[in-house]
Protein backbone atom coordinates (compact mmCIF):
# COMPACT_ATOMS: atom_id res chain seq x y z
CA MET A 1 98.24 -76.35 87.96
CA ASN A 2 96.94 -72.87 87.21
CA GLN A 3 99.32 -70.52 85.54
CA HIS A 4 98.97 -66.76 86.00
CA THR A 5 100.25 -64.07 83.70
CA CYS A 6 101.95 -61.22 85.50
CA VAL A 7 100.72 -57.75 84.55
CA ASP A 8 103.26 -54.97 84.78
CA ILE A 9 102.33 -51.74 86.55
CA GLN A 10 102.87 -48.85 84.20
CA LYS A 11 105.17 -46.22 85.60
CA PRO A 12 103.92 -42.61 85.64
CA ARG A 13 105.61 -40.14 83.33
CA THR A 14 106.08 -37.63 86.16
CA ASP A 15 106.21 -37.67 89.95
CA GLU A 16 103.28 -36.30 91.95
CA LYS A 17 104.92 -33.07 93.19
CA LEU A 18 102.37 -31.00 91.28
CA LEU A 19 99.54 -32.58 93.31
CA TRP A 20 101.24 -31.68 96.58
CA ASP A 21 101.97 -28.17 95.35
CA ILE A 22 98.26 -27.72 94.59
CA ILE A 23 97.20 -29.11 97.97
CA SER A 24 99.82 -27.14 99.87
CA GLY A 25 98.67 -23.91 98.18
CA ASN A 26 95.21 -24.33 99.67
CA ILE A 27 96.53 -25.28 103.11
CA GLY A 28 99.08 -22.47 103.01
CA PHE A 29 96.33 -19.93 102.30
CA GLY A 30 94.35 -21.03 105.35
CA THR A 31 97.43 -21.18 107.57
CA PHE A 32 98.48 -17.68 106.54
CA LEU A 33 95.06 -16.31 107.51
CA VAL A 34 95.30 -18.07 110.89
CA ALA A 35 98.78 -16.61 111.48
CA TYR A 36 97.43 -13.16 110.62
CA ASP A 37 94.39 -13.63 112.86
CA LEU A 38 96.58 -14.77 115.79
CA LYS A 39 98.71 -11.59 115.42
CA LEU A 40 101.88 -13.58 114.78
CA PHE A 41 103.42 -10.89 112.58
CA PRO A 42 103.17 -7.91 114.97
CA LEU A 43 104.45 -10.22 117.71
CA LEU A 44 107.62 -10.92 115.74
CA ALA A 45 107.96 -7.25 114.78
CA GLU A 46 108.84 -6.42 118.38
CA LYS A 47 111.93 -8.66 118.27
CA PRO A 48 112.92 -12.10 116.92
CA GLN A 49 111.43 -14.91 118.97
CA THR A 50 112.22 -18.56 119.59
CA LEU A 51 109.72 -21.37 119.22
CA THR A 52 109.25 -21.48 123.00
CA GLU A 53 108.60 -17.75 123.14
CA VAL A 54 106.07 -17.95 120.30
CA CYS A 55 104.25 -20.74 122.14
CA GLU A 56 104.07 -18.63 125.27
CA MET A 57 102.95 -15.46 123.50
CA LEU A 58 100.28 -17.15 121.33
CA LYS A 59 99.29 -19.59 124.09
CA ILE A 60 99.52 -22.62 121.80
CA HIS A 61 101.31 -25.96 122.09
CA GLU A 62 104.71 -26.66 120.56
CA ARG A 63 103.51 -29.03 117.81
CA PRO A 64 101.06 -26.58 116.15
CA ALA A 65 103.46 -23.69 116.74
CA LYS A 66 106.22 -25.52 114.86
CA ALA A 67 103.84 -26.25 111.98
CA LEU A 68 102.59 -22.65 111.87
CA LEU A 69 106.11 -21.23 111.88
CA ALA A 70 107.40 -23.71 109.30
CA MET A 71 104.55 -22.87 106.91
CA SER A 72 105.12 -19.14 107.42
CA VAL A 73 108.81 -19.59 106.60
CA SER A 74 108.00 -21.63 103.50
CA LEU A 75 105.58 -18.94 102.33
CA GLY A 76 108.28 -16.26 102.56
CA LEU A 77 106.68 -14.44 105.49
CA LEU A 78 109.23 -15.37 108.16
CA GLN A 79 112.92 -16.19 108.26
CA VAL A 80 114.78 -18.20 110.91
CA GLN A 81 118.35 -17.84 112.08
CA ASP A 82 119.94 -19.53 115.12
CA ASP A 83 116.48 -20.73 116.18
CA TYR A 84 115.06 -17.18 116.21
CA TYR A 85 112.14 -16.30 113.94
CA SER A 86 111.79 -12.83 112.43
CA LEU A 87 109.83 -11.09 109.69
CA THR A 88 110.87 -10.91 106.06
CA SER A 89 110.82 -7.56 104.26
CA PHE A 90 107.54 -8.61 102.61
CA ALA A 91 105.91 -9.11 106.02
CA GLU A 92 107.26 -5.79 107.24
CA ASP A 93 105.86 -3.98 104.20
CA TYR A 94 102.41 -5.59 104.10
CA LEU A 95 101.57 -7.25 107.43
CA LEU A 96 102.36 -4.56 110.00
CA GLU A 97 99.83 -1.91 110.87
CA GLY A 98 102.39 0.88 110.91
CA SER A 99 103.34 0.31 107.26
CA SER A 100 101.95 2.62 104.59
CA THR A 101 101.11 -0.48 102.51
CA TYR A 102 99.48 -2.51 105.30
CA LEU A 103 97.00 -5.10 103.95
CA GLY A 104 94.98 -5.37 107.16
CA ASP A 105 91.57 -4.33 105.86
CA PHE A 106 91.92 -6.62 102.86
CA LEU A 107 92.96 -9.55 105.04
CA ASP A 108 90.12 -8.86 107.49
CA LEU A 109 87.67 -9.11 104.60
CA THR A 110 89.42 -12.25 103.35
CA VAL A 111 89.07 -13.88 106.78
CA ALA A 112 85.41 -12.84 106.99
CA THR A 113 84.65 -14.28 103.54
CA ALA A 114 86.99 -17.29 103.56
CA SER A 115 84.06 -19.71 103.36
CA VAL A 116 83.21 -18.30 99.90
CA TYR A 117 86.23 -20.20 98.56
CA SER A 118 85.00 -23.60 99.78
CA PHE A 119 84.77 -26.64 97.50
CA GLU A 120 80.98 -26.40 97.61
CA ASN A 121 80.86 -22.75 96.55
CA ILE A 122 83.43 -23.13 93.78
CA LYS A 123 81.55 -26.14 92.41
CA LYS A 124 78.23 -24.28 92.64
CA ALA A 125 79.67 -21.22 90.88
CA ILE A 126 81.10 -23.35 88.07
CA LEU A 127 77.89 -25.32 87.58
CA SER A 128 75.55 -22.34 87.83
CA ASN A 129 77.72 -19.54 86.38
CA SER A 130 76.65 -17.31 89.27
CA SER A 131 78.39 -15.52 92.13
CA GLN A 132 78.29 -17.00 95.63
CA ILE A 133 79.10 -13.97 97.77
CA TYR A 134 76.36 -12.67 100.08
CA SER A 135 74.37 -15.90 99.65
CA GLY A 136 74.19 -15.38 95.90
CA GLU A 137 73.04 -11.75 96.03
CA LYS A 138 74.58 -9.32 93.52
CA LEU A 139 77.76 -7.69 94.88
CA PHE A 140 77.24 -4.06 93.92
CA GLN A 141 73.48 -3.99 94.46
CA THR A 142 74.12 -5.30 97.98
CA HIS A 143 76.71 -2.60 98.63
CA GLU A 144 74.33 0.09 97.41
CA LYS A 145 71.74 -1.07 99.96
CA GLN A 146 74.04 -1.94 102.87
CA ALA A 147 76.47 0.84 103.71
CA ASP A 148 78.37 -1.22 106.30
CA LEU A 149 79.25 -3.90 103.74
CA ALA A 150 80.16 -1.22 101.18
CA ARG A 151 82.49 0.44 103.68
CA ALA A 152 84.24 -2.82 104.64
CA PHE A 153 84.70 -3.79 100.98
CA THR A 154 85.97 -0.33 99.98
CA ASN A 155 88.47 -0.21 102.83
CA ALA A 156 89.67 -3.71 101.92
CA ILE A 157 90.25 -2.84 98.27
CA HIS A 158 91.95 0.40 99.34
CA SER A 159 94.51 -1.48 101.43
CA ARG A 160 95.10 -4.04 98.69
CA ASN A 161 95.80 -1.25 96.17
CA LEU A 162 98.21 0.82 98.25
CA GLY A 163 101.26 -0.61 96.47
CA PRO A 164 99.86 -0.88 92.92
CA ALA A 165 98.37 2.63 93.07
CA GLN A 166 101.81 4.14 93.69
CA ALA A 167 103.34 2.24 90.77
CA TRP A 168 101.29 2.88 87.64
CA PRO A 169 101.56 6.73 87.71
CA GLU A 170 105.33 6.23 87.48
CA VAL A 171 105.19 4.48 84.09
CA LEU A 172 103.17 7.09 82.15
CA ASP A 173 103.90 10.73 81.35
CA LEU A 174 100.73 12.53 82.45
CA SER A 175 102.23 16.02 82.41
CA ALA A 176 100.07 17.17 79.48
CA HIS A 177 96.79 16.15 81.16
CA ARG A 178 94.70 18.08 83.62
CA LEU A 179 91.70 16.04 84.86
CA LEU A 180 91.52 12.34 85.70
CA LEU A 181 88.10 10.70 86.00
CA ASP A 182 88.39 7.69 88.33
CA ILE A 183 85.41 5.59 87.26
CA GLY A 184 84.11 3.24 89.94
CA GLY A 185 86.99 4.71 91.92
CA GLY A 186 86.14 3.24 95.32
CA SER A 187 88.27 4.81 98.03
CA GLY A 188 90.04 7.00 95.47
CA VAL A 189 93.41 5.37 96.18
CA HIS A 190 94.40 5.62 92.51
CA ALA A 191 93.23 9.21 92.06
CA ILE A 192 95.04 10.15 95.27
CA ASN A 193 98.34 8.65 94.15
CA ALA A 194 98.07 10.03 90.62
CA THR A 195 97.53 13.57 91.87
CA LEU A 196 100.33 13.23 94.43
CA LYS A 197 102.69 12.16 91.64
CA TRP A 198 101.50 14.69 89.01
CA SER A 199 100.97 18.21 90.38
CA ASN A 200 99.22 19.28 87.16
CA LEU A 201 96.39 16.78 87.69
CA GLN A 202 93.05 17.20 89.35
CA ALA A 203 90.63 14.30 89.69
CA VAL A 204 86.97 13.37 90.03
CA ILE A 205 86.00 10.08 91.67
CA VAL A 206 82.63 8.66 90.62
CA ASP A 207 80.97 5.77 92.43
CA LEU A 208 77.87 4.73 94.36
CA ASP A 209 76.65 6.85 97.26
CA PRO A 210 77.89 4.82 100.28
CA ILE A 211 81.28 4.31 98.63
CA CYS A 212 81.68 8.02 97.88
CA GLU A 213 81.38 8.70 101.61
CA VAL A 214 84.45 6.53 102.22
CA ALA A 215 86.33 8.16 99.34
CA GLN A 216 85.70 11.61 100.79
CA GLU A 217 87.28 10.52 104.06
CA PHE A 218 90.45 9.36 102.31
CA VAL A 219 90.68 12.54 100.23
CA ILE A 220 90.41 14.64 103.40
CA ARG A 221 93.00 12.45 105.14
CA HIS A 222 95.50 13.32 102.39
CA GLY A 223 94.55 17.01 102.30
CA LEU A 224 93.50 16.86 98.64
CA GLN A 225 90.01 18.39 98.86
CA SER A 226 90.99 21.24 96.54
CA ARG A 227 92.21 18.84 93.82
CA ILE A 228 89.92 15.79 94.07
CA LYS A 229 86.15 15.97 93.91
CA ILE A 230 83.68 13.18 94.66
CA GLN A 231 80.57 12.62 92.57
CA VAL A 232 77.81 10.06 93.15
CA SER A 233 77.07 8.55 89.75
CA ASP A 234 75.95 5.37 87.99
CA MET A 235 78.50 4.66 85.27
CA TRP A 236 75.96 2.66 83.29
CA SER A 237 73.16 5.22 83.06
CA GLN A 238 74.62 8.68 83.72
CA PRO A 239 76.98 10.70 81.50
CA PHE A 240 80.64 11.00 82.45
CA PRO A 241 81.88 14.41 83.58
CA THR A 242 84.32 16.18 81.26
CA ALA A 243 87.87 14.82 81.63
CA ASP A 244 90.96 14.06 79.56
CA ILE A 245 91.86 10.82 81.38
CA HIS A 246 89.46 7.97 82.11
CA PHE A 247 90.87 5.53 84.66
CA TYR A 248 89.42 2.12 85.52
CA SER A 249 90.98 -0.15 88.14
CA ASP A 250 89.52 -3.64 88.60
CA ILE A 251 86.32 -2.51 86.88
CA TYR A 252 86.44 -4.42 83.60
CA HIS A 253 87.01 -7.72 85.40
CA ASP A 254 83.73 -7.26 87.30
CA TRP A 255 81.69 -7.49 84.12
CA PRO A 256 81.19 -9.64 81.01
CA LEU A 257 82.74 -8.73 77.68
CA GLU A 258 79.76 -6.82 76.30
CA LYS A 259 79.71 -4.49 79.31
CA GLY A 260 83.44 -3.87 78.94
CA ARG A 261 82.82 -2.91 75.32
CA PHE A 262 80.04 -0.56 76.45
CA LEU A 263 82.32 1.24 78.92
CA THR A 264 85.12 1.47 76.36
CA GLN A 265 82.88 3.06 73.75
CA LYS A 266 81.31 5.38 76.33
CA SER A 267 84.79 6.54 77.37
CA PHE A 268 85.84 7.09 73.76
CA ASP A 269 82.72 9.15 73.07
CA SER A 270 83.08 11.16 76.30
CA LEU A 271 86.80 11.89 76.34
CA GLU A 272 88.22 15.07 74.91
CA ARG A 273 90.39 14.78 71.79
CA GLY A 274 93.86 13.76 72.89
CA GLY A 275 92.35 12.15 75.97
CA ARG A 276 93.61 8.88 77.38
CA ILE A 277 91.97 5.73 78.76
CA ILE A 278 93.85 3.66 81.37
CA ILE A 279 92.68 0.18 82.40
CA HIS A 280 94.43 -1.28 85.46
CA GLU A 281 94.06 -5.06 85.87
CA MET A 282 95.80 -8.36 86.52
CA LEU A 283 96.20 -9.69 82.99
CA TYR A 284 96.35 -13.13 81.48
CA ASP A 285 98.84 -13.66 78.70
CA ASP A 286 97.26 -13.94 75.26
CA GLN A 287 96.83 -17.74 75.51
CA LYS A 288 95.60 -17.46 79.13
CA LEU A 289 98.27 -19.90 80.23
CA ASN A 290 100.58 -17.77 82.33
CA SER A 291 99.97 -17.36 86.04
CA SER A 292 98.14 -19.44 88.61
CA ALA A 293 97.60 -16.18 90.54
CA VAL A 294 95.72 -14.61 87.62
CA ALA A 295 93.78 -17.85 87.09
CA ALA A 296 92.86 -17.86 90.80
CA TYR A 297 91.71 -14.25 90.51
CA ASP A 298 89.55 -15.37 87.59
CA ILE A 299 87.91 -17.97 89.85
CA ALA A 300 87.43 -15.27 92.50
CA MET A 301 85.55 -13.19 89.92
CA LEU A 302 83.34 -16.20 89.27
CA LEU A 303 82.58 -16.34 93.00
CA TRP A 304 82.09 -12.58 93.50
CA THR A 305 80.90 -10.95 90.25
CA GLU A 306 79.61 -11.38 86.70
CA GLY A 307 83.09 -10.90 85.30
CA GLN A 308 86.41 -12.51 84.45
CA GLN A 309 90.10 -11.70 84.08
CA TYR A 310 91.07 -10.53 80.61
CA SER A 311 94.22 -10.78 78.55
CA ALA A 312 96.14 -7.79 77.27
CA ARG A 313 95.02 -8.73 73.75
CA GLU A 314 91.32 -8.76 74.71
CA LEU A 315 91.47 -5.33 76.34
CA SER A 316 93.63 -3.90 73.56
CA THR A 317 91.11 -5.14 70.99
CA MET A 318 88.27 -3.44 72.90
CA LEU A 319 90.18 -0.16 72.79
CA MET A 320 91.04 -0.52 69.11
CA ASP A 321 87.44 -1.37 68.17
CA ALA A 322 86.19 1.74 69.98
CA GLY A 323 88.63 3.97 68.05
CA PHE A 324 91.54 4.40 70.46
CA THR A 325 95.05 4.57 69.00
CA ASN A 326 98.62 4.33 70.37
CA ILE A 327 97.56 1.37 72.48
CA GLU A 328 100.18 0.18 74.95
CA VAL A 329 100.42 -2.54 77.61
CA LYS A 330 102.75 -1.76 80.50
CA PRO A 331 103.54 -4.01 83.49
CA THR A 332 103.46 -1.92 86.65
CA PHE A 333 103.61 -3.79 89.98
CA GLY A 334 103.63 -7.50 90.79
CA TYR A 335 100.92 -9.12 88.67
CA TRP A 336 99.39 -5.73 87.75
CA SER A 337 99.54 -4.01 84.38
CA ILE A 338 97.85 -1.14 82.59
CA VAL A 339 96.39 -1.10 79.09
CA THR A 340 96.18 2.42 77.73
CA GLY A 341 95.20 4.21 74.54
CA CYS A 342 94.55 7.72 73.24
CA LYS A 343 91.60 9.33 71.48
CA PRO A 344 92.86 10.94 68.26
């Protein structure tokens, strides 16, 4: 008679909730974009709706409607009471066209480029160390040649920055400064908000030609033509205009370390004595262990640019090496922070 030895099955040290959290994050992202595309949020802005009413308005069956609503509730976009669904304050602030911080242009671009974040593209970017946007073409060179893409991208980044751009001018005393140079300033959303907050400031926005056209439109919309000027310029090859503040938002993360060092030194050499540099980014902690959102943004940079997300220590070291003093790191809004220093 054969005798068999039983082999125990080793128990895992943890449950598998982390796996489902990772999977649900990906599915939640796609479901959110579908809800946005179906106009679910403006529908519920009119008045709270029941499941049946949502089905009728969106012309979808009950089963997918229940799943869509449940995911939207779990994401913090909707709330439900007595079987009526309504918007959360977050949705009212960011997902309604009438809001001053509406994310519509950014979400439209996200929908249009959602395929960039596919398994295949992420794997290709990791294996090749190259961006995957625009079929592998360089992001900014493409925008320089194709004004329609530059406009869509600039409008998207403008809408995404409407909240952060109001926040950082509140955490610094800029009363002693007079001219802010917004380098790679895009729509000018940061220059606009800085000058609205600080009446002593004027600003110059420098960027590529098709992007400057969009910036001019936003400056006119806010009636700031007398205080904000637009200048077509290549930050890599042309000198910076005279200024006592150099501001960079989401510029350093577009480029590798050596190009960040180049810009830092160029700013130090160009700024007036007593001038200030301000770098506005989503920052890793010093061990790069903190936030999945910042880590995801890092992957996005892999897919879109030559760059990466930096830690506060990395950017502070760049400033120190260039000669800046009084270096500070200040959280400003959500995941955003500024790193700032002064030229002695």
